Amino acid sequence: MQQLTGLDNSFLRMETPSTYGHVASLAVFDPATAPRPVTFDDVRSLVLERIHLVAPFRRRLVEVPFGIDCPYWIEDPDFDIDFHLRHIAVPPPGDRFQLAELAVRIAARHLDRSRPLWEMYVIEGLQGGYVAELTKIHHACIDGVEGAEILGVLLDVEPDASAVSRPAEPWQWEREPSQWSMLGRGMVGLMSRPRVGMRLARHAVPSLGTISRNFAVRLPGVRKRDDVLSRPAVGAPRTPFNGVITPHRRWSFGSLPIDDIKQVKNGLGATVNDVVMALCAGALRRWLIEHDALPNGPLLAMVPVSVRVDDEMGAGGNRISAMVAVLPTDEADPRRRLEAMKAEMVVAKQEHGALPADLLQDFAAFTPPSVLGMANRVAARARLMDRVNLPFNVVISNVPGPQFPLYTAGARMEGIYPISAITDGVGLNMTLMSYNGNLDFGLVADREMVPDIWSMIDALAEELELLKKVASTA
């Protein structure tokens, strides 16, 4: 039995009828590399063969009575692989728009907390004979880096890979503890909370100077530091995708060649992440102009940052922090926009680096689960995010993945496209994963806020072409 961290637990408590705490990914496979057609039974056999290597697939939640402490994971005594694996198809012609609509409808459903928090759908009927796998898993189980690790376990690096060796001892299910036992554990956890509070204060107090200095540049009439770009004085500006969300989603996906990104990077003296952020800023600017909604000032993006170290790989859970970066959406020129993005990322990294890596973990651990869940529900019912200044407009996440092909049952994976989470106030998420020479984007938004989300995927490609032209003449 293993207890969730405060940060893992926060992804459970964020859930409301319109906000989901799980993430998903859509992997598309080309069966042409396989010796025979890939079937649902093939995928089922592969998952069963490797499930001893994927702890989040076997564990389910046990709550602490009254929500006084974080819940625990136990090895599910009633594990049923056929509950988690499903087999479906898209109707003809099976194009990318139909696939995206099917995937996002599946993604926009809560997971069953009485079972391990994941589902996998094998999807057939795609154009060209392709097969897709849609995997949903709760963010309480994994972060982006851990998700990429699981991907590497479930897939093969060669089309004719041999079977995975069985463990010397099969995994053992655990008996569910009694409510009295869990209450006792919860009381012990309550008694340790002051110690967590002291650690939080010890981490936070030395950082207050850094926080206040960086916050000062947002106040009108206060002289800016020379190394900090101008930021909005009262939080992020309002856009059509900032407000209270519905339970319904739209999703689009696509790929950009990493070699093209590197051409821009090398030609203009930037990093890959600088270029990615500039592409997102340019695409958002295009969309906002088309909808007559471009703010005078720049947008703000929340950028998740992994703080997982090597010896924590495979441990599950979340080891993440975050930084806020200015997106120069108010800059019309693509070259100047990239230059501004480069400068901003330096500042954002400095600000993030000045804060302890465990600050977010400790803050989440200090708040009792019952309080956190109640606060989120009250905020949702009061439509609080329609009334307050927002800390950021959009989430942009870049997840590193393998730069070599992966296979399932001999079929080569052509792309892996994320379907991430949105929340009240931030109705747009732009997540990408690098894989085998491409950056695979998945953009998810509230269905009513961004009805034409495919235009953002097109805008990313158009922005890249503009920057390639600029780089070629630099």
Protein backbone atom coordinates (compact mmCIF):
# COMPACT_ATOMS: atom_id res chain seq x y z
CA MET A 1 0.00 0.00 0.00
CA GLN A 2 1.38 3.39 -1.00
CA GLN A 3 0.05 6.83 -0.08
CA LEU A 4 -0.49 9.49 -2.71
CA THR A 5 1.51 12.69 -2.36
CA GLY A 6 -0.31 15.96 -1.82
CA LEU A 7 0.31 16.91 -5.45
CA ASP A 8 -1.01 13.58 -6.73
CA ASN A 9 -4.08 14.04 -4.55
CA SER A 10 -4.67 17.56 -5.90
CA PHE A 11 -5.42 16.08 -9.33
CA LEU A 12 -8.20 14.03 -7.75
CA ARG A 13 -9.65 17.01 -5.88
CA MET A 14 -9.61 19.28 -8.94
CA GLU A 15 -12.40 17.23 -10.50
CA THR A 16 -15.89 18.69 -10.87
CA PRO A 17 -18.71 17.74 -13.25
CA SER A 18 -16.96 19.81 -15.95
CA THR A 19 -13.28 19.33 -15.03
CA TYR A 20 -11.45 16.04 -15.46
CA GLY A 21 -8.29 15.02 -13.64
CA HIS A 22 -7.17 12.48 -16.22
CA VAL A 23 -5.06 12.89 -19.34
CA ALA A 24 -5.04 10.83 -22.53
CA SER A 25 -2.98 10.12 -25.61
CA LEU A 26 -3.84 8.82 -29.06
CA ALA A 27 -1.22 6.59 -30.69
CA VAL A 28 -1.64 5.85 -34.41
CA PHE A 29 -0.07 2.67 -35.85
CA ASP A 30 0.70 1.53 -39.40
CA PRO A 31 0.03 -2.24 -39.64
CA ALA A 32 2.01 -2.41 -42.91
CA THR A 33 5.14 -3.18 -40.86
CA ALA A 34 3.41 -6.06 -39.02
CA PRO A 35 3.48 -9.67 -40.26
CA ARG A 36 -0.33 -9.79 -40.05
CA PRO A 37 -3.22 -7.46 -39.19
CA VAL A 38 -3.10 -6.10 -35.64
CA THR A 39 -6.08 -7.29 -33.60
CA PHE A 40 -7.64 -6.35 -30.30
CA ASP A 41 -6.53 -9.72 -28.89
CA ASP A 42 -2.92 -8.87 -29.82
CA VAL A 43 -3.08 -5.66 -27.79
CA ARG A 44 -4.80 -7.40 -24.89
CA SER A 45 -2.09 -10.07 -24.76
CA LEU A 46 0.69 -7.46 -24.86
CA VAL A 47 -0.81 -5.45 -21.99
CA LEU A 48 -1.32 -8.55 -19.84
CA GLU A 49 2.22 -9.71 -20.58
CA ARG A 50 3.67 -6.43 -19.28
CA ILE A 51 1.25 -5.33 -16.62
CA HIS A 52 3.64 -6.38 -13.84
CA LEU A 53 5.89 -3.56 -15.12
CA VAL A 54 3.17 -0.87 -14.99
CA ALA A 55 2.09 -0.35 -11.39
CA PRO A 56 -0.47 2.43 -12.14
CA PHE A 57 -2.44 -0.07 -14.27
CA ARG A 58 -2.88 -2.43 -11.28
CA ARG A 59 -3.57 -0.07 -8.39
CA ARG A 60 -6.81 1.44 -7.23
CA LEU A 61 -7.67 4.06 -4.65
CA VAL A 62 -8.59 3.58 -1.02
CA GLU A 63 -9.88 6.79 0.54
CA VAL A 64 -9.22 7.90 4.12
CA PRO A 65 -12.51 8.49 6.01
CA PHE A 66 -13.72 12.10 6.06
CA GLY A 67 -10.93 13.13 3.67
CA ILE A 68 -8.60 14.02 6.52
CA ASP A 69 -5.52 12.72 4.71
CA CYS A 70 -4.39 11.71 1.24
CA PRO A 71 -5.73 8.38 -0.07
CA TYR A 72 -3.67 5.26 -0.73
CA TRP A 73 -3.01 2.96 -3.66
CA ILE A 74 -3.52 -0.79 -3.23
CA GLU A 75 -2.97 -3.62 -5.70
CA ASP A 76 -6.55 -4.15 -6.89
CA PRO A 77 -7.94 -7.44 -5.48
CA ASP A 78 -10.67 -7.42 -8.14
CA PHE A 79 -8.52 -6.49 -11.13
CA ASP A 80 -10.31 -7.16 -14.44
CA ILE A 81 -8.35 -6.41 -17.61
CA ASP A 82 -11.50 -6.60 -19.73
CA PHE A 83 -13.02 -3.65 -17.90
CA HIS A 84 -10.10 -1.45 -18.91
CA LEU A 85 -9.57 -2.59 -22.51
CA ARG A 86 -12.27 -1.70 -25.06
CA HIS A 87 -12.63 -2.28 -28.80
CA ILE A 88 -14.37 0.26 -31.06
CA ALA A 89 -14.30 1.60 -34.63
CA VAL A 90 -14.94 4.86 -36.46
CA PRO A 91 -17.49 4.89 -39.29
CA PRO A 92 -16.35 5.36 -42.91
CA PRO A 93 -14.37 7.15 -44.18
CA GLY A 94 -12.44 7.14 -40.89
CA ASP A 95 -10.64 10.46 -41.40
CA ARG A 96 -8.70 12.47 -38.79
CA PHE A 97 -11.69 14.65 -37.94
CA GLN A 98 -13.87 11.64 -37.11
CA LEU A 99 -11.03 10.11 -35.11
CA ALA A 100 -10.52 13.33 -33.14
CA GLU A 101 -14.24 13.64 -32.39
CA LEU A 102 -14.43 10.05 -31.16
CA ALA A 103 -11.27 10.40 -29.07
CA VAL A 104 -12.30 13.61 -27.34
CA ARG A 105 -15.79 12.30 -26.54
CA ILE A 106 -14.19 9.33 -24.81
CA ALA A 107 -11.73 11.62 -23.06
CA ALA A 108 -14.58 13.81 -21.77
CA ARG A 109 -15.85 11.17 -19.35
CA HIS A 110 -14.76 10.64 -15.76
CA LEU A 111 -12.85 7.51 -14.82
CA ASP A 112 -14.38 5.04 -12.34
CA ARG A 113 -12.60 5.57 -9.00
CA SER A 114 -13.58 2.11 -7.74
CA ARG A 115 -11.11 0.60 -10.24
CA PRO A 116 -7.54 1.33 -11.40
CA LEU A 117 -7.70 4.76 -13.02
CA TRP A 118 -7.07 3.96 -16.68
CA GLU A 119 -8.77 2.79 -19.86
CA MET A 120 -7.42 1.80 -23.27
CA TYR A 121 -9.43 1.77 -26.51
CA VAL A 122 -8.29 -0.04 -29.65
CA ILE A 123 -9.80 1.90 -32.56
CA GLU A 124 -10.22 0.44 -36.04
CA GLY A 125 -11.83 1.69 -39.26
CA LEU A 126 -9.25 4.40 -39.98
CA GLN A 127 -8.29 5.53 -43.46
CA GLY A 128 -5.35 3.61 -44.93
CA GLY A 129 -5.96 0.64 -42.64
CA TYR A 130 -4.33 2.37 -39.66
CA VAL A 131 -5.11 1.34 -36.10
CA ALA A 132 -5.17 3.68 -33.09
CA GLU A 133 -4.89 3.19 -29.34
CA LEU A 134 -6.47 5.77 -27.05
CA THR A 135 -5.17 5.53 -23.48
CA LYS A 136 -6.75 7.45 -20.59
CA ILE A 137 -5.00 7.57 -17.23
CA HIS A 138 -5.52 9.79 -14.22
CA HIS A 139 -2.98 12.54 -13.57
CA ALA A 140 -2.92 11.37 -9.95
CA CYS A 141 -1.03 8.29 -11.22
CA ILE A 142 1.55 9.86 -13.52
CA ASP A 143 3.05 13.05 -14.89
CA GLY A 144 4.13 13.57 -18.50
CA VAL A 145 7.62 12.12 -18.09
CA GLU A 146 6.29 9.04 -16.29
CA GLY A 147 3.70 8.65 -19.05
CA ALA A 148 6.48 8.53 -21.62
CA GLU A 149 8.21 5.86 -19.50
CA ILE A 150 5.05 3.72 -19.50
CA LEU A 151 4.82 4.14 -23.26
CA GLY A 152 8.30 2.65 -23.56
CA VAL A 153 7.27 -0.35 -21.44
CA LEU A 154 4.10 -1.15 -23.38
CA LEU A 155 5.69 -0.78 -26.83
CA ASP A 156 8.69 -2.39 -28.54
CA VAL A 157 11.77 -0.88 -30.17
CA GLU A 158 11.71 -3.49 -32.96
CA PRO A 159 8.82 -4.87 -35.02
CA ASP A 160 9.72 -8.48 -34.16
CA ALA A 161 10.52 -8.01 -30.47
CA SER A 162 10.49 -11.12 -28.32
CA ALA A 163 8.07 -11.68 -25.46
CA VAL A 164 8.74 -9.98 -22.13
CA SER A 165 10.02 -12.36 -19.46
CA ARG A 166 7.56 -13.18 -16.71
CA PRO A 167 8.55 -11.99 -13.23
CA ALA A 168 10.01 -14.52 -10.82
CA GLU A 169 7.05 -13.79 -8.55
CA PRO A 170 3.74 -12.58 -10.03
CA TRP A 171 2.33 -9.36 -8.65
CA GLN A 172 0.15 -9.87 -5.59
CA TRP A 173 -3.19 -8.23 -4.96
CA GLU A 174 -3.78 -6.59 -1.58
CA ARG A 175 -6.72 -6.94 0.77
CA GLU A 176 -8.60 -3.67 1.19
CA PRO A 177 -7.96 -2.28 4.69
CA SER A 178 -10.85 -1.59 7.02
CA GLN A 179 -12.29 1.88 7.50
CA TRP A 180 -11.02 1.89 11.10
CA SER A 181 -7.51 1.08 9.90
CA MET A 182 -7.67 3.88 7.33
CA LEU A 183 -9.02 6.30 9.94
CA GLY A 184 -6.04 5.49 12.16
CA ARG A 185 -3.65 6.17 9.30
CA GLY A 186 -5.46 9.43 8.63
CA MET A 187 -5.09 10.57 12.25
CA VAL A 188 -1.35 9.89 12.08
CA GLY A 189 -1.23 11.94 8.89
CA LEU A 190 -3.08 14.79 10.59
CA MET A 191 -0.53 14.88 13.38
CA SER A 192 2.28 15.21 10.84
CA ARG A 193 0.67 18.18 9.08
CA PRO A 194 2.28 20.85 11.32
CA ARG A 195 5.66 19.40 10.37
CA VAL A 196 4.75 19.79 6.70
CA GLY A 197 3.70 23.37 7.43
CA MET A 198 7.05 24.12 9.02
CA ARG A 199 8.86 22.66 6.00
CA LEU A 200 6.66 24.72 3.69
CA ALA A 201 7.51 27.89 5.61
CA ARG A 202 11.19 27.02 5.57
CA HIS A 203 11.07 26.59 1.78
CA ALA A 204 8.84 29.57 1.04
CA VAL A 205 10.24 32.32 3.27
CA PRO A 206 13.72 32.48 1.65
CA SER A 207 11.98 32.81 -1.73
CA LEU A 208 9.74 35.73 -0.78
CA GLY A 209 12.35 38.28 -1.89
CA THR A 210 12.55 36.74 -5.35
CA ILE A 211 8.77 36.54 -5.62
CA SER A 212 8.26 40.14 -4.50
CA ARG A 213 10.98 41.51 -6.79
CA ASN A 214 9.47 39.77 -9.80
CA PHE A 215 5.95 40.78 -8.80
CA ALA A 216 7.00 44.43 -8.51
CA VAL A 217 7.45 44.73 -12.26
CA ARG A 218 3.71 44.13 -12.67
CA LEU A 219 2.70 47.14 -10.61
CA PRO A 220 2.07 50.40 -12.49
CA GLY A 221 4.46 53.22 -11.70
CA VAL A 222 7.18 50.92 -10.36
CA ARG A 223 10.50 50.96 -12.17
CA LYS A 224 11.19 47.67 -13.97
CA ARG A 225 14.33 45.64 -13.62
CA ASP A 226 16.33 45.76 -16.83
CA ASP A 227 16.32 41.98 -17.25
CA VAL A 228 12.58 41.46 -16.91
CA LEU A 229 10.10 41.90 -19.74
CA SER A 230 6.97 43.93 -19.11
CA ARG A 231 4.17 41.77 -17.72
CA PRO A 232 0.49 42.51 -17.25
CA ALA A 233 -0.08 44.51 -14.07
CA VAL A 234 -3.31 42.79 -13.06
CA GLY A 235 -2.90 39.21 -14.22
CA ALA A 236 -3.58 37.70 -17.61
CA PRO A 237 -5.85 39.52 -20.07
CA ARG A 238 -9.26 38.05 -20.86
CA THR A 239 -9.68 36.02 -24.05
CA PRO A 240 -12.55 33.90 -25.44
CA PHE A 241 -10.98 30.75 -23.93
CA ASN A 242 -10.72 32.16 -20.39
CA GLY A 243 -13.77 31.58 -18.25
CA VAL A 244 -15.90 28.84 -16.71
CA ILE A 245 -15.78 25.70 -18.86
CA THR A 246 -18.45 23.15 -19.79
CA PRO A 247 -18.03 19.34 -19.63
CA HIS A 248 -17.59 19.21 -23.41
CA ARG A 249 -14.35 19.36 -25.40
CA ARG A 250 -12.89 19.83 -28.85
CA TRP A 251 -9.51 18.42 -29.84
CA SER A 252 -7.19 18.69 -32.83
CA PHE A 253 -3.85 17.08 -33.52
CA GLY A 254 -0.94 17.26 -35.95
CA SER A 255 2.83 16.96 -36.34
CA LEU A 256 5.72 19.28 -37.17
CA PRO A 257 9.18 18.01 -38.23
CA ILE A 258 11.87 18.50 -35.58
CA ASP A 259 14.41 19.15 -38.36
CA ASP A 260 12.39 22.23 -39.40
CA ILE A 261 12.31 23.41 -35.78
CA LYS A 262 16.09 22.94 -35.56
CA GLN A 263 16.58 24.88 -38.80
CA VAL A 264 14.90 27.86 -37.14
CA LYS A 265 16.76 27.27 -33.87
CA ASN A 266 20.16 27.20 -35.56
CA GLY A 267 19.44 30.08 -37.93
CA LEU A 268 18.16 32.45 -35.24
CA GLY A 269 20.20 31.38 -32.21
CA ALA A 270 17.33 30.01 -30.14
CA THR A 271 16.49 26.76 -28.39
CA VAL A 272 13.93 24.21 -29.56
CA ASN A 273 11.66 25.24 -26.68
CA ASP A 274 12.01 28.94 -27.60
CA VAL A 275 10.84 28.10 -31.13
CA VAL A 276 7.95 25.97 -29.86
CA MET A 277 6.76 28.75 -27.54
CA ALA A 278 7.05 31.32 -30.35
CA LEU A 279 5.02 29.05 -32.66
CA CYS A 280 2.30 28.77 -30.03
CA ALA A 281 2.32 32.55 -29.50
CA GLY A 282 2.01 33.13 -33.24
CA ALA A 283 -0.81 30.60 -33.62
CA LEU A 284 -2.72 32.14 -30.71
CA ARG A 285 -2.23 35.61 -32.17
CA ARG A 286 -3.68 34.48 -35.52
CA TRP A 287 -6.69 32.87 -33.86
CA LEU A 288 -7.39 35.88 -31.65
CA ILE A 289 -7.16 38.28 -34.60
CA GLU A 290 -9.58 36.12 -36.61
CA HIS A 291 -12.05 36.35 -33.72
CA ASP A 292 -11.50 40.08 -33.14
CA ALA A 293 -10.28 39.28 -29.63
CA LEU A 294 -6.55 40.10 -29.56
CA PRO A 295 -5.72 41.86 -26.25
CA ASN A 296 -3.47 44.91 -26.32
CA GLY A 297 -0.99 43.22 -24.01
CA PRO A 298 0.67 39.79 -24.13
CA LEU A 299 -0.88 36.53 -22.99
CA LEU A 300 0.59 34.50 -20.13
CA ALA A 301 1.29 30.77 -20.37
CA MET A 302 1.76 28.25 -17.59
CA VAL A 303 4.56 25.85 -18.53
CA PRO A 304 4.86 22.60 -16.50
CA VAL A 305 8.43 21.64 -15.60
CA SER A 306 9.53 18.14 -14.59
CA VAL A 307 11.65 17.94 -11.43
CA ARG A 308 11.90 14.14 -11.60
CA VAL A 309 15.46 12.86 -11.13
CA ASP A 310 16.89 9.63 -12.55
CA ASP A 311 16.35 7.49 -9.46
CA GLU A 312 12.65 8.48 -9.42
CA MET A 313 11.98 7.08 -12.90
CA GLY A 314 9.33 4.39 -12.76
CA ALA A 315 8.14 5.46 -9.31
CA GLY A 316 4.82 6.80 -10.61
CA GLY A 317 3.06 9.87 -9.31
CA ASN A 318 3.88 13.48 -10.09
CA ARG A 319 7.21 15.24 -9.81
CA ILE A 320 6.41 18.53 -11.47
CA SER A 321 6.70 22.23 -10.91
CA ALA A 322 5.61 25.09 -13.15
CA MET A 323 6.69 28.47 -14.44
CA VAL A 324 4.72 31.32 -16.00
CA ALA A 325 6.00 32.83 -19.25
CA VAL A 326 4.91 35.89 -21.21
CA LEU A 327 3.74 35.05 -24.74
CA PRO A 328 4.48 38.00 -27.09
CA THR A 329 1.11 37.76 -28.83
CA ASP A 330 1.13 41.56 -29.10
CA GLU A 331 4.15 41.44 -31.45
CA ALA A 332 3.23 41.25 -35.16
CA ASP A 333 6.67 40.50 -36.59
CA PRO A 334 7.59 36.77 -36.35
CA ARG A 335 11.32 37.40 -35.90
CA ARG A 336 10.82 39.98 -33.15
CA ARG A 337 8.27 37.66 -31.57
CA LEU A 338 10.87 34.87 -31.39
CA GLU A 339 13.50 37.27 -30.00
CA ALA A 340 11.06 38.40 -27.31
CA MET A 341 10.24 34.77 -26.53
CA LYS A 342 13.93 33.93 -26.15
CA ALA A 343 14.44 36.76 -23.66
CA GLU A 344 11.31 35.87 -21.73
CA MET A 345 12.23 32.19 -21.36
CA VAL A 346 15.56 33.20 -19.81
CA VAL A 347 13.72 35.31 -17.22
CA ALA A 348 11.03 32.67 -16.60
CA LYS A 349 13.69 30.01 -16.00
CA GLN A 350 15.56 32.32 -13.61
CA GLU A 351 12.41 32.97 -11.63
CA HIS A 352 11.53 29.28 -11.57
CA GLY A 353 15.07 28.29 -10.59
CA ALA A 354 14.96 30.66 -7.62
CA LEU A 355 12.12 28.64 -6.07
CA PRO A 356 12.63 25.28 -4.29
CA ALA A 357 11.67 22.28 -6.43
CA ASP A 358 9.50 20.85 -3.62
CA LEU A 359 7.56 24.06 -2.91
CA LEU A 360 4.51 22.96 -4.93
CA GLN A 361 4.66 19.46 -3.40
CA ASP A 362 4.74 20.84 0.15
CA PHE A 363 1.95 23.33 -0.49
CA ALA A 364 -0.30 20.57 -1.85
CA ALA A 365 0.59 18.26 1.06
CA PHE A 366 -0.33 20.91 3.64
CA THR A 367 -3.96 21.24 2.50
CA PRO A 368 -6.31 18.45 3.71
CA PRO A 369 -8.01 16.61 0.79
CA SER A 370 -11.51 17.39 2.07
CA VAL A 371 -10.74 21.12 2.17
CA LEU A 372 -9.14 21.09 -1.27
CA GLY A 373 -12.06 19.24 -2.84
CA MET A 374 -14.64 21.50 -1.18
CA ALA A 375 -12.80 24.64 -2.30
CA ASN A 376 -12.78 23.46 -5.92
CA ARG A 377 -16.48 22.58 -5.86
CA VAL A 378 -17.45 25.92 -4.29
CA ALA A 379 -15.34 27.83 -6.82
CA ALA A 380 -16.99 25.94 -9.68
CA ARG A 381 -20.54 26.55 -8.40
CA ALA A 382 -19.82 30.25 -7.82
CA ARG A 383 -18.30 30.58 -11.31
CA LEU A 384 -15.35 32.19 -9.57
CA MET A 385 -13.15 32.15 -12.66
CA ASP A 386 -15.55 34.54 -14.38
CA ARG A 387 -14.97 37.08 -11.59
CA VAL A 388 -11.24 37.12 -10.79
CA ASN A 389 -8.02 38.11 -12.53
CA LEU A 390 -6.43 35.02 -14.01
CA PRO A 391 -2.79 34.04 -13.35
CA PHE A 392 -2.39 32.76 -16.93
CA ASN A 393 -4.37 32.23 -20.15
CA VAL A 394 -3.17 28.90 -21.52
CA VAL A 395 -1.12 25.84 -20.59
CA ILE A 396 1.73 24.90 -22.94
CA SER A 397 3.48 21.61 -22.14
CA ASN A 398 6.40 20.00 -23.98
CA VAL A 399 6.93 16.33 -23.08
CA PRO A 400 10.17 14.64 -24.21
CA GLY A 401 9.72 11.32 -25.97
CA PRO A 402 11.86 8.73 -27.79
CA GLN A 403 13.59 9.72 -31.02
CA PHE A 404 13.32 6.24 -32.54
CA PRO A 405 10.33 4.23 -33.82
CA LEU A 406 8.20 2.14 -31.47
CA TYR A 407 5.97 -0.82 -32.36
CA THR A 408 3.00 -2.79 -31.09
CA ALA A 409 2.48 -6.32 -32.41
CA GLY A 410 4.87 -5.37 -35.22
CA ALA A 411 2.95 -2.24 -36.30
CA ARG A 412 5.00 0.98 -36.27
CA MET A 413 3.70 3.91 -34.26
CA GLU A 414 3.37 6.89 -36.61
CA GLY A 415 2.50 9.48 -33.98
CA ILE A 416 1.47 9.98 -30.35
CA TYR A 417 -0.90 12.89 -29.73
CA PRO A 418 -1.71 14.18 -26.21
CA ILE A 419 -5.18 15.03 -24.93
CA SER A 420 -4.52 17.00 -21.77
CA ALA A 421 -6.73 18.68 -19.18
CA ILE A 422 -8.39 22.09 -19.04
CA THR A 423 -9.88 23.80 -16.00
CA ASP A 424 -12.17 26.67 -15.12
CA GLY A 425 -10.47 29.88 -16.22
CA VAL A 426 -8.09 28.16 -18.63
CA GLY A 427 -10.12 26.57 -21.41
CA LEU A 428 -7.22 25.81 -23.76
CA ASN A 429 -4.27 23.45 -23.41
CA MET A 430 -1.49 23.02 -26.00
CA THR A 431 0.57 19.90 -25.28
CA LEU A 432 3.19 18.32 -27.52
CA MET A 433 5.38 15.25 -27.37
CA SER A 434 8.55 14.64 -29.33
CA TYR A 435 8.68 11.29 -31.11
CA ASN A 436 10.86 9.86 -33.88
CA GLY A 437 11.73 13.12 -35.61
CA ASN A 438 8.42 14.94 -35.07
CA LEU A 439 6.72 17.16 -32.53
CA ASP A 440 3.24 15.70 -32.11
CA PHE A 441 0.75 18.35 -30.96
CA GLY A 442 -2.60 17.84 -29.28
CA LEU A 443 -4.74 20.95 -28.64
CA VAL A 444 -7.75 20.58 -26.37
CA ALA A 445 -10.30 23.27 -25.55
CA ASP A 446 -13.77 23.82 -24.21
CA ARG A 447 -16.20 22.94 -26.99
CA GLU A 448 -18.02 26.28 -26.88
CA MET A 449 -14.98 28.51 -26.38
CA VAL A 450 -12.92 27.29 -29.36
CA PRO A 451 -15.28 25.78 -31.95
CA ASP A 452 -12.65 25.93 -34.74
CA ILE A 453 -9.71 24.34 -32.93
CA TRP A 454 -8.36 22.76 -36.14
CA SER A 455 -7.44 26.24 -37.34
CA MET A 456 -4.88 26.46 -34.51
CA ILE A 457 -3.12 23.32 -35.77
CA ASP A 458 -2.99 24.87 -39.25
CA ALA A 459 -1.68 28.13 -37.75
CA LEU A 460 1.21 26.32 -36.04
CA ALA A 461 2.37 24.95 -39.41
CA GLU A 462 1.99 28.38 -41.05
CA GLU A 463 4.00 30.05 -38.28
CA LEU A 464 6.78 27.49 -38.73
CA GLU A 465 6.96 28.26 -42.46
CA LEU A 466 7.27 31.98 -41.68
CA LEU A 467 10.11 31.38 -39.22
CA LYS A 468 11.90 29.07 -41.67
CA LYS A 469 11.91 31.88 -44.23
CA VAL A 470 13.24 34.32 -41.64
CA ALA A 471 15.95 31.87 -40.58
CA SER A 472 17.03 31.22 -44.18
CA THR A 473 17.77 34.93 -44.69
CA ALA A 474 19.40 35.54 -41.30
